[in-house]
Structures are given as C-alpha cells and as structure tokens.
Amino acid sequence: MLTEIHPKLPMRNKVTTRNFYLNKLGFQELGNTDYEGYLMLTLDHIQIHFFEFKKLNPKENYGQIYIRTNDIEGLYESYLKRDISIHPNGHLTIKPWNQKEFSLLDPDNNLLTFGQAL
C-alpha cells in the first residue's frame, strides 16, 4: 500500500537551503509554485521537503535522512569534486550492517546519509 516517502526537514532560511541543494547537491525545485515558508526539492527519484523554522538552533537540530543510491562511489566522488564538506565522521566506509555509506550536513545541520547495499 505504501508507495513513497518525502521527508520534511527544518530550514532557517529558504534562500540558503535552496542554494545549497540546487547549486551544490544538484537538486531541482519541484513544481513552479513558490510557497511561503516551504520548499520542495527533487533529484532523480527522491523528494525532500523543507519547512521554515527561523528559530532553529543548528546545534540542537537532529534532523536526518537516509538516502539510498545505486552508485555510492560515483556520488561521493562527485561531491568531493564539487568541494562539498563531508561530515568529519562520515567519510565513505563500509558499515557492519553491509552498507557502504557517507554523510554530510546541510546549512541547518540536517544530517544526510547516503548508502548502498553491498
């Protein structure tokens, strides 16, 4: 019955979030309507939605999502070439749960973990 999931993450500033995801990570805006305090982005087969939370303290933000990919090494290398900061504890590695993963933080400290099954 369930067919898709579109996580919602907090953002302090829509322009900053939009620029990071579009210009650094390669996402596109979903649709052409600009909703106040809300942002919908897409890349390949996923969507991430963002809601405005101006008083968000990034040091207290525990927003995180896990994104599966079928080319973890290519994605990792493409982000390194674009000079995207990888989380200090999130460099590409094989995890005990048989996933190859890496992680990064967005401008609001939302943790994005990318993984591929071995």
Protein backbone atom coordinates (compact mmCIF):
# COMPACT_ATOMS: atom_id res chain seq x y z
CA MET A 1 0.00 0.00 0.00
CA LEU A 2 2.77 2.50 0.80
CA THR A 3 4.42 3.86 -2.33
CA GLU A 4 6.72 6.77 -1.47
CA ILE A 5 8.10 8.85 1.35
CA HIS A 6 9.01 12.53 1.28
CA PRO A 7 10.86 13.55 4.43
CA LYS A 8 10.40 17.06 5.82
CA LEU A 9 13.40 18.81 7.32
CA PRO A 10 13.64 22.15 9.09
CA MET A 11 15.29 25.16 7.45
CA ARG A 12 16.09 28.57 8.86
CA ASN A 13 16.43 30.39 5.56
CA LYS A 14 14.75 29.28 2.37
CA VAL A 15 17.23 31.03 0.05
CA THR A 16 20.22 29.44 1.79
CA THR A 17 18.64 25.97 1.75
CA ARG A 18 17.57 26.32 -1.88
CA ASN A 19 21.05 27.43 -2.95
CA PHE A 20 22.81 24.60 -1.11
CA TYR A 21 20.62 21.84 -2.51
CA LEU A 22 20.35 23.25 -6.04
CA ASN A 23 23.86 24.59 -6.57
CA LYS A 24 25.90 22.13 -4.51
CA LEU A 25 23.96 18.86 -4.45
CA GLY A 26 22.29 19.13 -7.86
CA PHE A 27 18.63 19.06 -6.79
CA GLN A 28 15.86 20.85 -8.67
CA GLU A 29 12.78 22.60 -7.38
CA LEU A 30 9.63 20.55 -7.58
CA GLY A 31 6.96 22.44 -9.46
CA ASN A 32 6.93 26.14 -10.14
CA THR A 33 4.91 27.47 -7.22
CA ASP A 34 6.84 29.33 -4.52
CA TYR A 35 5.14 28.50 -1.22
CA GLU A 36 5.86 30.81 1.68
CA GLY A 37 7.92 29.03 4.31
CA TYR A 38 8.01 25.74 2.39
CA LEU A 39 10.36 24.24 -0.17
CA MET A 40 10.11 21.04 -2.20
CA LEU A 41 13.17 19.68 -3.98
CA THR A 42 13.80 16.62 -6.13
CA LEU A 43 16.71 14.67 -7.53
CA ASP A 44 16.36 11.51 -9.56
CA HIS A 45 13.64 9.51 -7.76
CA ILE A 46 13.56 11.28 -4.39
CA GLN A 47 11.99 14.37 -2.91
CA ILE A 48 12.95 16.30 0.19
CA HIS A 49 10.58 18.88 1.64
CA PHE A 50 11.62 21.69 3.97
CA PHE A 51 9.58 23.75 6.40
CA GLU A 52 10.63 27.13 7.72
CA PHE A 53 11.83 27.17 11.32
CA LYS A 54 13.55 30.53 11.76
CA LYS A 55 14.37 29.96 15.43
CA LEU A 56 16.07 26.62 14.77
CA ASN A 57 19.35 26.27 16.62
CA PRO A 58 21.52 24.15 14.30
CA LYS A 59 23.43 22.79 17.30
CA GLU A 60 20.14 21.34 18.57
CA ASN A 61 18.86 20.04 15.23
CA TYR A 62 18.63 16.28 14.97
CA GLY A 63 17.01 16.20 11.52
CA GLN A 64 18.39 13.35 9.48
CA ILE A 65 17.52 11.24 6.49
CA TYR A 66 18.99 8.15 4.85
CA ILE A 67 19.14 8.22 1.06
CA ARG A 68 19.83 5.05 -0.90
CA THR A 69 21.85 5.18 -4.09
CA ASN A 70 22.99 2.68 -6.71
CA ASP A 71 26.34 4.46 -7.26
CA ILE A 72 27.72 5.40 -3.85
CA GLU A 73 31.30 5.79 -5.03
CA GLY A 74 30.35 7.97 -8.00
CA LEU A 75 28.15 10.17 -5.85
CA TYR A 76 30.85 10.51 -3.19
CA GLU A 77 33.49 11.44 -5.76
CA SER A 78 31.18 13.96 -7.45
CA TYR A 79 30.55 15.70 -4.11
CA LEU A 80 34.28 15.78 -3.34
CA LYS A 81 34.96 17.32 -6.77
CA ARG A 82 32.33 19.99 -6.02
CA ASP A 83 34.12 20.75 -2.76
CA ILE A 84 31.18 19.68 -0.61
CA SER A 85 32.17 19.12 3.01
CA ILE A 86 31.76 15.52 4.11
CA HIS A 87 30.85 15.03 7.77
CA PRO A 88 34.07 14.53 9.80
CA ASN A 89 32.79 11.13 10.94
CA GLY A 90 31.03 10.36 7.68
CA HIS A 91 33.63 9.59 5.03
CA LEU A 92 32.88 6.74 2.67
CA THR A 93 33.18 3.47 4.55
CA ILE A 94 31.69 0.02 4.80
CA LYS A 95 29.43 -0.34 7.82
CA PRO A 96 28.84 -3.54 9.86
CA TRP A 97 25.27 -3.64 8.52
CA ASN A 98 26.58 -4.33 4.98
CA GLN A 99 26.10 -0.81 3.65
CA LYS A 100 28.69 1.47 2.08
CA GLU A 101 27.88 4.94 3.39
CA PHE A 102 28.93 8.56 3.71
CA SER A 103 27.30 11.57 5.37
CA LEU A 104 27.20 15.34 5.15
CA LEU A 105 25.47 18.21 6.90
CA ASP A 106 23.34 20.85 5.21
CA PRO A 107 23.39 24.52 6.32
CA ASP A 108 20.89 23.79 9.10
CA ASN A 109 22.77 20.78 10.43
CA ASN A 110 20.39 18.24 8.93
CA LEU A 111 22.36 15.01 8.52
CA LEU A 112 22.16 13.44 5.06
CA THR A 113 23.47 9.89 4.96
CA PHE A 114 23.87 8.20 1.59
CA GLY A 115 24.10 4.42 1.41
CA GLN A 116 24.31 1.47 -0.92
CA ALA A 117 23.88 -2.19 -0.07
CA LEU A 118 26.92 -4.39 -0.64
